[in-house]
Amino acid sequence: MDKEEILMKSRNENKGRDMAKIEENRSSARFAIIFGFFFMAVLGVLSLASHSKMIYGVAAMEFCIVFAMNIYNAVKKKERKYIILSLTTGVVFLMFTFITICEIFQIYP
């Protein structure tokens, strides 16, 4: 492939999309996830300090967001790394959700 073919293919793939805007959205999503994990950690420490018990619902919500992003990428891009990430975050999300549901209904298996 020569330079013109590569440029044409890139233009067709990104038709109607601004590359700066795409990168800005990626950066904001990355920041939101990092901030969410930090917030989850702070709430977890406060919860443990005050009640000697972790609030798992917050962790379930954070992993739900990360799982949704990874599953979207896995379906859209069909790359191995996104499939593995979606499976991993999905397992963690289901684990925290299960613990939260057990706490809500006071079921302790």
PDB file of N, CA and C in Angstrom:
ATOM      1  N   MET A   1       0.833  -1.173   0.000  1.00  0.00           N
ATOM      2  CA  MET A   1       0.000   0.000   0.000  1.00  0.00           C
ATOM      3  C   MET A   1       0.887   1.248   0.000  1.00  0.00           C
ATOM      4  N   ASP A   2       0.543   2.158  -0.845  1.00  0.00           N
ATOM      5  CA  ASP A   2       1.303   3.400  -0.847  1.00  0.00           C
ATOM      6  C   ASP A   2       0.641   4.409   0.098  1.00  0.00           C
ATOM      7  N   LYS A   3       1.268   5.545   0.226  1.00  0.00           N
ATOM      8  CA  LYS A   3       0.831   6.576   1.171  1.00  0.00           C
ATOM      9  C   LYS A   3      -0.596   7.046   0.899  1.00  0.00           C
ATOM     10  N   GLU A   4      -0.940   7.235  -0.362  1.00  0.00           N
ATOM     11  CA  GLU A   4      -2.273   7.722  -0.709  1.00  0.00           C
ATOM     12  C   GLU A   4      -3.366   6.714  -0.352  1.00  0.00           C
ATOM     13  N   GLU A   5      -3.083   5.433  -0.566  1.00  0.00           N
ATOM     14  CA  GLU A   5      -4.065   4.410  -0.210  1.00  0.00           C
ATOM     15  C   GLU A   5      -4.302   4.367   1.292  1.00  0.00           C
ATOM     16  N   ILE A   6      -3.227   4.491   2.062  1.00  0.00           N
ATOM     17  CA  ILE A   6      -3.326   4.495   3.525  1.00  0.00           C
ATOM     18  C   ILE A   6      -4.137   5.704   3.998  1.00  0.00           C
ATOM     19  N   LEU A   7      -3.856   6.867   3.438  1.00  0.00           N
ATOM     20  CA  LEU A   7      -4.601   8.075   3.805  1.00  0.00           C
ATOM     21  C   LEU A   7      -6.078   7.957   3.433  1.00  0.00           C
ATOM     22  N   MET A   8      -6.362   7.400   2.282  1.00  0.00           N
ATOM     23  CA  MET A   8      -7.747   7.234   1.847  1.00  0.00           C
ATOM     24  C   MET A   8      -8.485   6.271   2.780  1.00  0.00           C
ATOM     25  N   LYS A   9      -7.842   5.175   3.144  1.00  0.00           N
ATOM     26  CA  LYS A   9      -8.451   4.206   4.051  1.00  0.00           C
ATOM     27  C   LYS A   9      -8.727   4.848   5.415  1.00  0.00           C
ATOM     28  N   SER A  10      -7.780   5.623   5.908  1.00  0.00           N
ATOM     29  CA  SER A  10      -7.943   6.314   7.193  1.00  0.00           C
ATOM     30  C   SER A  10      -9.088   7.319   7.139  1.00  0.00           C
ATOM     31  N   ARG A  11      -9.178   8.058   6.047  1.00  0.00           N
ATOM     32  CA  ARG A  11     -10.273   9.032   5.891  1.00  0.00           C
ATOM     33  C   ARG A  11     -11.628   8.332   5.870  1.00  0.00           C
ATOM     34  N   ASN A  12     -11.704   7.192   5.183  1.00  0.00           N
ATOM     35  CA  ASN A  12     -12.962   6.452   5.118  1.00  0.00           C
ATOM     36  C   ASN A  12     -13.355   5.885   6.486  1.00  0.00           C
ATOM     37  N   GLU A  13     -12.367   5.413   7.263  1.00  0.00           N
ATOM     38  CA  GLU A  13     -12.644   4.867   8.587  1.00  0.00           C
ATOM     39  C   GLU A  13     -13.110   5.953   9.555  1.00  0.00           C
ATOM     40  N   ASN A  14     -12.567   7.128   9.431  1.00  0.00           N
ATOM     41  CA  ASN A  14     -12.861   8.219  10.359  1.00  0.00           C
ATOM     42  C   ASN A  14     -13.755   9.288   9.737  1.00  0.00           C
ATOM     43  N   LYS A  15     -14.537   8.890   8.763  1.00  0.00           N
ATOM     44  CA  LYS A  15     -15.378   9.836   8.045  1.00  0.00           C
ATOM     45  C   LYS A  15     -16.355  10.532   8.991  1.00  0.00           C
ATOM     46  N   GLY A  16     -16.365  11.839   8.940  1.00  0.00           N
ATOM     47  CA  GLY A  16     -17.276  12.627   9.756  1.00  0.00           C
ATOM     48  C   GLY A  16     -16.881  12.731  11.216  1.00  0.00           C
ATOM     49  N   ARG A  17     -15.671  12.317  11.563  1.00  0.00           N
ATOM     50  CA  ARG A  17     -15.241  12.365  12.958  1.00  0.00           C
ATOM     51  C   ARG A  17     -13.976  13.208  13.064  1.00  0.00           C
ATOM     52  N   ASP A  18     -13.918  13.999  14.082  1.00  0.00           N
ATOM     53  CA  ASP A  18     -12.772  14.847  14.328  1.00  0.00           C
ATOM     54  C   ASP A  18     -11.810  14.102  15.256  1.00  0.00           C
ATOM     55  N   MET A  19     -10.577  13.901  14.826  1.00  0.00           N
ATOM     56  CA  MET A  19      -9.605  13.137  15.601  1.00  0.00           C
ATOM     57  C   MET A  19      -9.312  13.789  16.960  1.00  0.00           C
ATOM     58  N   ALA A  20      -9.279  15.109  17.002  1.00  0.00           N
ATOM     59  CA  ALA A  20      -9.039  15.801  18.273  1.00  0.00           C
ATOM     60  C   ALA A  20     -10.188  15.528  19.243  1.00  0.00           C
ATOM     61  N   LYS A  21     -11.406  15.514  18.743  1.00  0.00           N
ATOM     62  CA  LYS A  21     -12.579  15.250  19.579  1.00  0.00           C
ATOM     63  C   LYS A  21     -12.573  13.812  20.076  1.00  0.00           C
ATOM     64  N   ILE A  22     -12.170  12.887  19.230  1.00  0.00           N
ATOM     65  CA  ILE A  22     -12.084  11.483  19.623  1.00  0.00           C
ATOM     66  C   ILE A  22     -11.082  11.317  20.757  1.00  0.00           C
ATOM     67  N   GLU A  23      -9.921  11.928  20.627  1.00  0.00           N
ATOM     68  CA  GLU A  23      -8.893  11.840  21.668  1.00  0.00           C
ATOM     69  C   GLU A  23      -9.349  12.521  22.954  1.00  0.00           C
ATOM     70  N   GLU A  24     -10.057  13.627  22.822  1.00  0.00           N
ATOM     71  CA  GLU A  24     -10.589  14.322  24.000  1.00  0.00           C
ATOM     72  C   GLU A  24     -11.584  13.430  24.751  1.00  0.00           C
ATOM     73  N   ASN A  25     -12.442  12.732  24.016  1.00  0.00           N
ATOM     74  CA  ASN A  25     -13.398  11.815  24.639  1.00  0.00           C
ATOM     75  C   ASN A  25     -12.699  10.652  25.328  1.00  0.00           C
ATOM     76  N   ARG A  26     -11.665  10.120  24.716  1.00  0.00           N
ATOM     77  CA  ARG A  26     -10.896   9.031  25.333  1.00  0.00           C
ATOM     78  C   ARG A  26     -10.248   9.498  26.624  1.00  0.00           C
ATOM     79  N   SER A  27      -9.651  10.675  26.584  1.00  0.00           N
ATOM     80  CA  SER A  27      -8.988  11.209  27.773  1.00  0.00           C
ATOM     81  C   SER A  27      -9.981  11.462  28.896  1.00  0.00           C
ATOM     82  N   SER A  28     -11.136  11.987  28.565  1.00  0.00           N
ATOM     83  CA  SER A  28     -12.130  12.257  29.604  1.00  0.00           C
ATOM     84  C   SER A  28     -12.679  10.953  30.179  1.00  0.00           C
ATOM     85  N   ALA A  29     -12.867   9.938  29.356  1.00  0.00           N
ATOM     86  CA  ALA A  29     -13.334   8.640  29.851  1.00  0.00           C
ATOM     87  C   ALA A  29     -12.290   8.009  30.759  1.00  0.00           C
ATOM     88  N   ARG A  30     -11.030   8.085  30.370  1.00  0.00           N
ATOM     89  CA  ARG A  30      -9.933   7.545  31.182  1.00  0.00           C
ATOM     90  C   ARG A  30      -9.879   8.255  32.535  1.00  0.00           C
ATOM     91  N   PHE A  31      -9.998   9.584  32.522  1.00  0.00           N
ATOM     92  CA  PHE A  31      -9.979  10.359  33.756  1.00  0.00           C
ATOM     93  C   PHE A  31     -11.170   9.983  34.643  1.00  0.00           C
ATOM     94  N   ALA A  32     -12.345   9.817  34.038  1.00  0.00           N
ATOM     95  CA  ALA A  32     -13.542   9.472  34.801  1.00  0.00           C
ATOM     96  C   ALA A  32     -13.394   8.119  35.487  1.00  0.00           C
ATOM     97  N   ILE A  33     -12.811   7.163  34.803  1.00  0.00           N
ATOM     98  CA  ILE A  33     -12.618   5.843  35.392  1.00  0.00           C
ATOM     99  C   ILE A  33     -11.624   5.910  36.543  1.00  0.00           C
ATOM    100  N   ILE A  34     -10.514   6.597  36.343  1.00  0.00           N
ATOM    101  CA  ILE A  34      -9.513   6.735  37.413  1.00  0.00           C
ATOM    102  C   ILE A  34     -10.112   7.455  38.610  1.00  0.00           C
ATOM    103  N   PHE A  35     -10.845   8.535  38.358  1.00  0.00           N
ATOM    104  CA  PHE A  35     -11.491   9.276  39.431  1.00  0.00           C
ATOM    105  C   PHE A  35     -12.519   8.402  40.152  1.00  0.00           C
ATOM    106  N   GLY A  36     -13.268   7.613  39.401  1.00  0.00           N
ATOM    107  CA  GLY A  36     -14.260   6.707  39.986  1.00  0.00           C
ATOM    108  C   GLY A  36     -13.623   5.671  40.888  1.00  0.00           C
ATOM    109  N   PHE A  37     -12.496   5.092  40.463  1.00  0.00           N
ATOM    110  CA  PHE A  37     -11.799   4.125  41.304  1.00  0.00           C
ATOM    111  C   PHE A  37     -11.247   4.786  42.567  1.00  0.00           C
ATOM    112  N   PHE A  38     -10.748   5.997  42.440  1.00  0.00           N
ATOM    113  CA  PHE A  38     -10.259   6.734  43.604  1.00  0.00           C
ATOM    114  C   PHE A  38     -11.410   7.003  44.578  1.00  0.00           C
ATOM    115  N   PHE A  39     -12.537   7.446  44.053  1.00  0.00           N
ATOM    116  CA  PHE A  39     -13.713   7.711  44.878  1.00  0.00           C
ATOM    117  C   PHE A  39     -14.189   6.425  45.561  1.00  0.00           C
ATOM    118  N   MET A  40     -14.180   5.316  44.830  1.00  0.00           N
ATOM    119  CA  MET A  40     -14.572   4.029  45.394  1.00  0.00           C
ATOM    120  C   MET A  40     -13.640   3.641  46.541  1.00  0.00           C
ATOM    121  N   ALA A  41     -12.348   3.858  46.373  1.00  0.00           N
ATOM    122  CA  ALA A  41     -11.378   3.534  47.425  1.00  0.00           C
ATOM    123  C   ALA A  41     -11.599   4.392  48.669  1.00  0.00           C
ATOM    124  N   VAL A  42     -11.841   5.686  48.469  1.00  0.00           N
ATOM    125  CA  VAL A  42     -12.082   6.578  49.611  1.00  0.00           C
ATOM    126  C   VAL A  42     -13.342   6.151  50.367  1.00  0.00           C
ATOM    127  N   LEU A  43     -14.426   5.878  49.641  1.00  0.00           N
ATOM    128  CA  LEU A  43     -15.654   5.429  50.296  1.00  0.00           C
ATOM    129  C   LEU A  43     -15.461   4.087  50.995  1.00  0.00           C
ATOM    130  N   GLY A  44     -14.677   3.215  50.404  1.00  0.00           N
ATOM    131  CA  GLY A  44     -14.400   1.923  51.029  1.00  0.00           C
ATOM    132  C   GLY A  44     -13.653   2.072  52.345  1.00  0.00           C
ATOM    133  N   VAL A  45     -12.647   2.929  52.352  1.00  0.00           N
ATOM    134  CA  VAL A  45     -11.878   3.165  53.578  1.00  0.00           C
ATOM    135  C   VAL A  45     -12.760   3.810  54.640  1.00  0.00           C
ATOM    136  N   LEU A  46     -13.549   4.807  54.257  1.00  0.00           N
ATOM    137  CA  LEU A  46     -14.449   5.455  55.217  1.00  0.00           C
ATOM    138  C   LEU A  46     -15.478   4.460  55.768  1.00  0.00           C
ATOM    139  N   SER A  47     -16.007   3.618  54.892  1.00  0.00           N
ATOM    140  CA  SER A  47     -16.982   2.620  55.307  1.00  0.00           C
ATOM    141  C   SER A  47     -16.363   1.627  56.289  1.00  0.00           C
ATOM    142  N   LEU A  48     -15.166   1.162  55.974  1.00  0.00           N
ATOM    143  CA  LEU A  48     -14.488   0.218  56.864  1.00  0.00           C
ATOM    144  C   LEU A  48     -14.152   0.865  58.204  1.00  0.00           C
ATOM    145  N   ALA A  49     -13.749   2.128  58.172  1.00  0.00           N
ATOM    146  CA  ALA A  49     -13.381   2.828  59.403  1.00  0.00           C
ATOM    147  C   ALA A  49     -14.594   3.075  60.297  1.00  0.00           C
ATOM    148  N   SER A  50     -15.736   3.380  59.701  1.00  0.00           N
ATOM    149  CA  SER A  50     -16.898   3.740  60.511  1.00  0.00           C
ATOM    150  C   SER A  50     -17.783   2.550  60.877  1.00  0.00           C
ATOM    151  N   HIS A  51     -17.916   1.563  60.002  1.00  0.00           N
ATOM    152  CA  HIS A  51     -18.822   0.441  60.251  1.00  0.00           C
ATOM    153  C   HIS A  51     -18.112  -0.910  60.291  1.00  0.00           C
ATOM    154  N   SER A  52     -16.825  -0.918  60.054  1.00  0.00           N
ATOM    155  CA  SER A  52     -16.061  -2.167  59.932  1.00  0.00           C
ATOM    156  C   SER A  52     -16.662  -3.077  58.869  1.00  0.00           C
ATOM    157  N   LYS A  53     -17.246  -2.462  57.848  1.00  0.00           N
ATOM    158  CA  LYS A  53     -17.896  -3.207  56.773  1.00  0.00           C
ATOM    159  C   LYS A  53     -17.784  -2.417  55.477  1.00  0.00           C
ATOM    160  N   MET A  54     -17.501  -3.089  54.407  1.00  0.00           N
ATOM    161  CA  MET A  54     -17.363  -2.452  53.102  1.00  0.00           C
ATOM    162  C   MET A  54     -18.724  -2.305  52.439  1.00  0.00           C
ATOM    163  N   ILE A  55     -18.935  -1.178  51.744  1.00  0.00           N
ATOM    164  CA  ILE A  55     -20.149  -0.987  50.951  1.00  0.00           C
ATOM    165  C   ILE A  55     -19.818  -1.443  49.524  1.00  0.00           C
ATOM    166  N   TYR A  56     -20.296  -2.610  49.143  1.00  0.00           N
ATOM    167  CA  TYR A  56     -19.918  -3.210  47.865  1.00  0.00           C
ATOM    168  C   TYR A  56     -20.704  -2.653  46.687  1.00  0.00           C
ATOM    169  N   GLY A  57     -21.824  -1.997  46.936  1.00  0.00           N
ATOM    170  CA  GLY A  57     -22.634  -1.446  45.855  1.00  0.00           C
ATOM    171  C   GLY A  57     -21.883  -0.409  45.039  1.00  0.00           C
ATOM    172  N   VAL A  58     -21.061   0.391  45.707  1.00  0.00           N
ATOM    173  CA  VAL A  58     -20.266   1.406  44.995  1.00  0.00           C
ATOM    174  C   VAL A  58     -19.272   0.734  44.058  1.00  0.00           C
ATOM    175  N   ALA A  59     -18.628  -0.324  44.535  1.00  0.00           N
ATOM    176  CA  ALA A  59     -17.678  -1.062  43.696  1.00  0.00           C
ATOM    177  C   ALA A  59     -18.396  -1.719  42.520  1.00  0.00           C
ATOM    178  N   ALA A  60     -19.600  -2.252  42.767  1.00  0.00           N
ATOM    179  CA  ALA A  60     -20.368  -2.882  41.688  1.00  0.00           C
ATOM    180  C   ALA A  60     -20.713  -1.865  40.604  1.00  0.00           C
ATOM    181  N   MET A  61     -21.088  -0.658  41.016  1.00  0.00           N
ATOM    182  CA  MET A  61     -21.427   0.379  40.032  1.00  0.00           C
ATOM    183  C   MET A  61     -20.207   0.794  39.215  1.00  0.00           C
ATOM    184  N   GLU A  62     -19.069   0.962  39.864  1.00  0.00           N
ATOM    185  CA  GLU A  62     -17.856   1.356  39.136  1.00  0.00           C
ATOM    186  C   GLU A  62     -17.444   0.282  38.137  1.00  0.00           C
ATOM    187  N   PHE A  63     -17.474  -0.974  38.569  1.00  0.00           N
ATOM    188  CA  PHE A  63     -17.099  -2.050  37.653  1.00  0.00           C
ATOM    189  C   PHE A  63     -18.142  -2.264  36.564  1.00  0.00           C
ATOM    190  N   CYS A  64     -19.373  -1.887  36.824  1.00  0.00           N
ATOM    191  CA  CYS A  64     -20.408  -1.941  35.787  1.00  0.00           C
ATOM    192  C   CYS A  64     -20.040  -1.001  34.639  1.00  0.00           C
ATOM    193  N   ILE A  65     -19.582   0.194  34.984  1.00  0.00           N
ATOM    194  CA  ILE A  65     -19.192   1.176  33.967  1.00  0.00           C
ATOM    195  C   ILE A  65     -17.995   0.667  33.162  1.00  0.00           C
ATOM    196  N   VAL A  66     -16.997   0.158  33.859  1.00  0.00           N
ATOM    197  CA  VAL A  66     -15.797  -0.347  33.181  1.00  0.00           C
ATOM    198  C   VAL A  66     -16.147  -1.568  32.326  1.00  0.00           C
ATOM    199  N   PHE A  67     -16.987  -2.451  32.854  1.00  0.00           N
ATOM    200  CA  PHE A  67     -17.407  -3.636  32.101  1.00  0.00           C
ATOM    201  C   PHE A  67     -18.149  -3.240  30.828  1.00  0.00           C
ATOM    202  N   ALA A  68     -19.038  -2.248  30.942  1.00  0.00           N
ATOM    203  CA  ALA A  68     -19.797  -1.797  29.770  1.00  0.00           C
ATOM    204  C   ALA A  68     -18.869  -1.243  28.690  1.00  0.00           C
ATOM    205  N   MET A  69     -17.874  -0.473  29.097  1.00  0.00           N
ATOM    206  CA  MET A  69     -16.922   0.063  28.122  1.00  0.00           C
ATOM    207  C   MET A  69     -16.132  -1.063  27.449  1.00  0.00           C
ATOM    208  N   ASN A  70     -15.697  -2.040  28.250  1.00  0.00           N
ATOM    209  CA  ASN A  70     -14.910  -3.139  27.695  1.00  0.00           C
ATOM    210  C   ASN A  70     -15.737  -4.048  26.800  1.00  0.00           C
ATOM    211  N   ILE A  71     -16.985  -4.300  27.169  1.00  0.00           N
ATOM    212  CA  ILE A  71     -17.835  -5.159  26.336  1.00  0.00           C
ATOM    213  C   ILE A  71     -18.152  -4.464  25.013  1.00  0.00           C
ATOM    214  N   TYR A  72     -18.332  -3.156  25.058  1.00  0.00           N
ATOM    215  CA  TYR A  72     -18.562  -2.385  23.828  1.00  0.00           C
ATOM    216  C   TYR A  72     -17.354  -2.527  22.894  1.00  0.00           C
ATOM    217  N   ASN A  73     -16.152  -2.335  23.448  1.00  0.00           N
ATOM    218  CA  ASN A  73     -14.939  -2.463  22.633  1.00  0.00           C
ATOM    219  C   ASN A  73     -14.747  -3.884  22.121  1.00  0.00           C
ATOM    220  N   ALA A  74     -15.081  -4.881  22.938  1.00  0.00           N
ATOM    221  CA  ALA A  74     -14.918  -6.280  22.518  1.00  0.00           C
ATOM    222  C   ALA A  74     -15.839  -6.600  21.348  1.00  0.00           C
ATOM    223  N   VAL A  75     -17.070  -6.119  21.407  1.00  0.00           N
ATOM    224  CA  VAL A  75     -18.030  -6.386  20.325  1.00  0.00           C
ATOM    225  C   VAL A  75     -17.667  -5.586  19.077  1.00  0.00           C
ATOM    226  N   LYS A  76     -17.288  -4.333  19.270  1.00  0.00           N
ATOM    227  CA  LYS A  76     -16.993  -3.437  18.154  1.00  0.00           C
ATOM    228  C   LYS A  76     -15.698  -3.813  17.432  1.00  0.00           C
ATOM    229  N   LYS A  77     -14.636  -4.064  18.213  1.00  0.00           N
ATOM    230  CA  LYS A  77     -13.307  -4.262  17.615  1.00  0.00           C
ATOM    231  C   LYS A  77     -12.910  -5.723  17.460  1.00  0.00           C
ATOM    232  N   LYS A  78     -13.539  -6.601  18.249  1.00  0.00           N
ATOM    233  CA  LYS A  78     -13.263  -8.043  18.189  1.00  0.00           C
ATOM    234  C   LYS A  78     -11.775  -8.362  18.373  1.00  0.00           C
ATOM    235  N   GLU A  79     -11.135  -7.614  19.272  1.00  0.00           N
ATOM    236  CA  GLU A  79      -9.723  -7.862  19.575  1.00  0.00           C
ATOM    237  C   GLU A  79      -9.627  -8.671  20.863  1.00  0.00           C
ATOM    238  N   ARG A  80      -8.621  -9.514  20.909  1.00  0.00           N
ATOM    239  CA  ARG A  80      -8.438 -10.415  22.042  1.00  0.00           C
ATOM    240  C   ARG A  80      -8.309  -9.664  23.372  1.00  0.00           C
ATOM    241  N   LYS A  81      -7.572  -8.561  23.399  1.00  0.00           N
ATOM    242  CA  LYS A  81      -7.356  -7.842  24.659  1.00  0.00           C
ATOM    243  C   LYS A  81      -8.668  -7.296  25.218  1.00  0.00           C
ATOM    244  N   TYR A  82      -9.565  -6.824  24.357  1.00  0.00           N
ATOM    245  CA  TYR A  82     -10.847  -6.302  24.826  1.00  0.00           C
ATOM    246  C   TYR A  82     -11.765  -7.428  25.297  1.00  0.00           C
ATOM    247  N   ILE A  83     -11.679  -8.565  24.657  1.00  0.00           N
ATOM    248  CA  ILE A  83     -12.470  -9.710  25.087  1.00  0.00           C
ATOM    249  C   ILE A  83     -12.018 -10.174  26.472  1.00  0.00           C
ATOM    250  N   ILE A  84     -10.704 -10.270  26.677  1.00  0.00           N
ATOM    251  CA  ILE A  84     -10.163 -10.669  27.981  1.00  0.00           C
ATOM    252  C   ILE A  84     -10.510  -9.633  29.047  1.00  0.00           C
ATOM    253  N   LEU A  85     -10.361  -8.344  28.715  1.00  0.00           N
ATOM    254  CA  LEU A  85     -10.716  -7.294  29.669  1.00  0.00           C
ATOM    255  C   LEU A  85     -12.196  -7.341  30.026  1.00  0.00           C
ATOM    256  N   SER A  86     -13.054  -7.559  29.048  1.00  0.00           N
ATOM    257  CA  SER A  86     -14.486  -7.598  29.341  1.00  0.00           C
ATOM    258  C   SER A  86     -14.834  -8.807  30.198  1.00  0.00           C
ATOM    259  N   LEU A  87     -14.212  -9.940  29.954  1.00  0.00           N
ATOM    260  CA  LEU A  87     -14.462 -11.117  30.789  1.00  0.00           C
ATOM    261  C   LEU A  87     -13.979 -10.893  32.221  1.00  0.00           C
ATOM    262  N   THR A  88     -12.803 -10.319  32.354  1.00  0.00           N
ATOM    263  CA  THR A  88     -12.235 -10.072  33.689  1.00  0.00           C
ATOM    264  C   THR A  88     -13.076  -9.076  34.471  1.00  0.00           C
ATOM    265  N   THR A  89     -13.372  -7.951  33.867  1.00  0.00           N
ATOM    266  CA  THR A  89     -14.176  -6.950  34.580  1.00  0.00           C
ATOM    267  C   THR A  89     -15.607  -7.444  34.784  1.00  0.00           C
ATOM    268  N   GLY A  90     -16.100  -8.276  33.885  1.00  0.00           N
ATOM    269  CA  GLY A  90     -17.429  -8.847  34.050  1.00  0.00           C
ATOM    270  C   GLY A  90     -17.512  -9.757  35.268  1.00  0.00           C
ATOM    271  N   VAL A  91     -16.487 -10.561  35.477  1.00  0.00           N
ATOM    272  CA  VAL A  91     -16.449 -11.443  36.649  1.00  0.00           C
ATOM    273  C   VAL A  91     -16.415 -10.619  37.932  1.00  0.00           C
ATOM    274  N   VAL A  92     -15.579  -9.595  37.972  1.00  0.00           N
ATOM    275  CA  VAL A  92     -15.492  -8.739  39.156  1.00  0.00           C
ATOM    276  C   VAL A  92     -16.814  -8.007  39.384  1.00  0.00           C
ATOM    277  N   PHE A  93     -17.417  -7.493  38.317  1.00  0.00           N
ATOM    278  CA  PHE A  93     -18.710  -6.819  38.405  1.00  0.00           C
ATOM    279  C   PHE A  93     -19.772  -7.760  38.973  1.00  0.00           C
ATOM    280  N   LEU A  94     -19.842  -8.987  38.467  1.00  0.00           N
ATOM    281  CA  LEU A  94     -20.826  -9.956  38.958  1.00  0.00           C
ATOM    282  C   LEU A  94     -20.571 -10.326  40.414  1.00  0.00           C
ATOM    283  N   MET A  95     -19.309 -10.422  40.797  1.00  0.00           N
ATOM    284  CA  MET A  95     -18.974 -10.750  42.177  1.00  0.00           C
ATOM    285  C   MET A  95     -19.477  -9.658  43.130  1.00  0.00           C
ATOM    286  N   PHE A  96     -19.155  -8.390  42.822  1.00  0.00           N
ATOM    287  CA  PHE A  96     -19.599  -7.291  43.678  1.00  0.00           C
ATOM    288  C   PHE A  96     -21.122  -7.154  43.663  1.00  0.00           C
ATOM    289  N   THR A  97     -21.753  -7.411  42.524  1.00  0.00           N
ATOM    290  CA  THR A  97     -23.208  -7.347  42.438  1.00  0.00           C
ATOM    291  C   THR A  97     -23.849  -8.435  43.286  1.00  0.00           C
ATOM    292  N   PHE A  98     -23.306  -9.627  43.231  1.00  0.00           N
ATOM    293  CA  PHE A  98     -23.814 -10.734  44.045  1.00  0.00           C
ATOM    294  C   PHE A  98     -23.708 -10.402  45.533  1.00  0.00           C
ATOM    295  N   ILE A  99     -22.561  -9.889  45.958  1.00  0.00           N
ATOM    296  CA  ILE A  99     -22.377  -9.532  47.368  1.00  0.00           C
ATOM    297  C   ILE A  99     -23.355  -8.436  47.772  1.00  0.00           C
ATOM    298  N   THR A 100     -23.557  -7.450  46.911  1.00  0.00           N
ATOM    299  CA  THR A 100     -24.487  -6.360  47.200  1.00  0.00           C
ATOM    300  C   THR A 100     -25.917  -6.871  47.339  1.00  0.00           C
ATOM    301  N   ILE A 101     -26.349  -7.737  46.440  1.00  0.00           N
ATOM    302  CA  ILE A 101     -27.699  -8.287  46.501  1.00  0.00           C
ATOM    303  C   ILE A 101     -27.877  -9.112  47.785  1.00  0.00           C
ATOM    304  N   CYS A 102     -26.853  -9.904  48.125  1.00  0.00           N
ATOM    305  CA  CYS A 102     -26.920 -10.672  49.373  1.00  0.00           C
ATOM    306  C   CYS A 102     -27.057  -9.752  50.584  1.00  0.00           C
ATOM    307  N   GLU A 103     -26.342  -8.632  50.574  1.00  0.00           N
ATOM    308  CA  GLU A 103     -26.443  -7.684  51.697  1.00  0.00           C
ATOM    309  C   GLU A 103     -27.805  -6.999  51.728  1.00  0.00           C
ATOM    310  N   ILE A 104     -28.338  -6.648  50.577  1.00  0.00           N
ATOM    311  CA  ILE A 104     -29.642  -5.982  50.524  1.00  0.00           C
ATOM    312  C   ILE A 104     -30.724  -6.876  51.142  1.00  0.00           C
ATOM    313  N   PHE A 105     -30.723  -8.146  50.756  1.00  0.00           N
ATOM    314  CA  PHE A 105     -31.752  -9.062  51.238  1.00  0.00           C
ATOM    315  C   PHE A 105     -31.304  -9.851  52.474  1.00  0.00           C
ATOM    316  N   GLN A 106     -30.156  -9.508  53.005  1.00  0.00           N
ATOM    317  CA  GLN A 106     -29.589 -10.142  54.199  1.00  0.00           C
ATOM    318  C   GLN A 106     -29.528 -11.665  54.045  1.00  0.00           C
ATOM    319  N   ILE A 107     -29.006 -12.080  52.919  1.00  0.00           N
ATOM    320  CA  ILE A 107     -28.783 -13.493  52.629  1.00  0.00           C
ATOM    321  C   ILE A 107     -27.274 -13.710  52.740  1.00  0.00           C
ATOM    322  N   TYR A 108     -26.887 -14.610  53.613  1.00  0.00           N
ATOM    323  CA  TYR A 108     -25.459 -14.857  53.804  1.00  0.00           C
ATOM    324  C   TYR A 108     -25.167 -16.334  53.548  1.00  0.00           C
ATOM    325  N   PRO A 109     -24.745 -16.634  52.322  1.00  0.00           N
ATOM    326  CA  PRO A 109     -24.505 -18.049  51.953  1.00  0.00           C
ATOM    327  C   PRO A 109     -23.299 -18.642  52.658  1.00  0.00           C
TER     328      PRO A 109
END
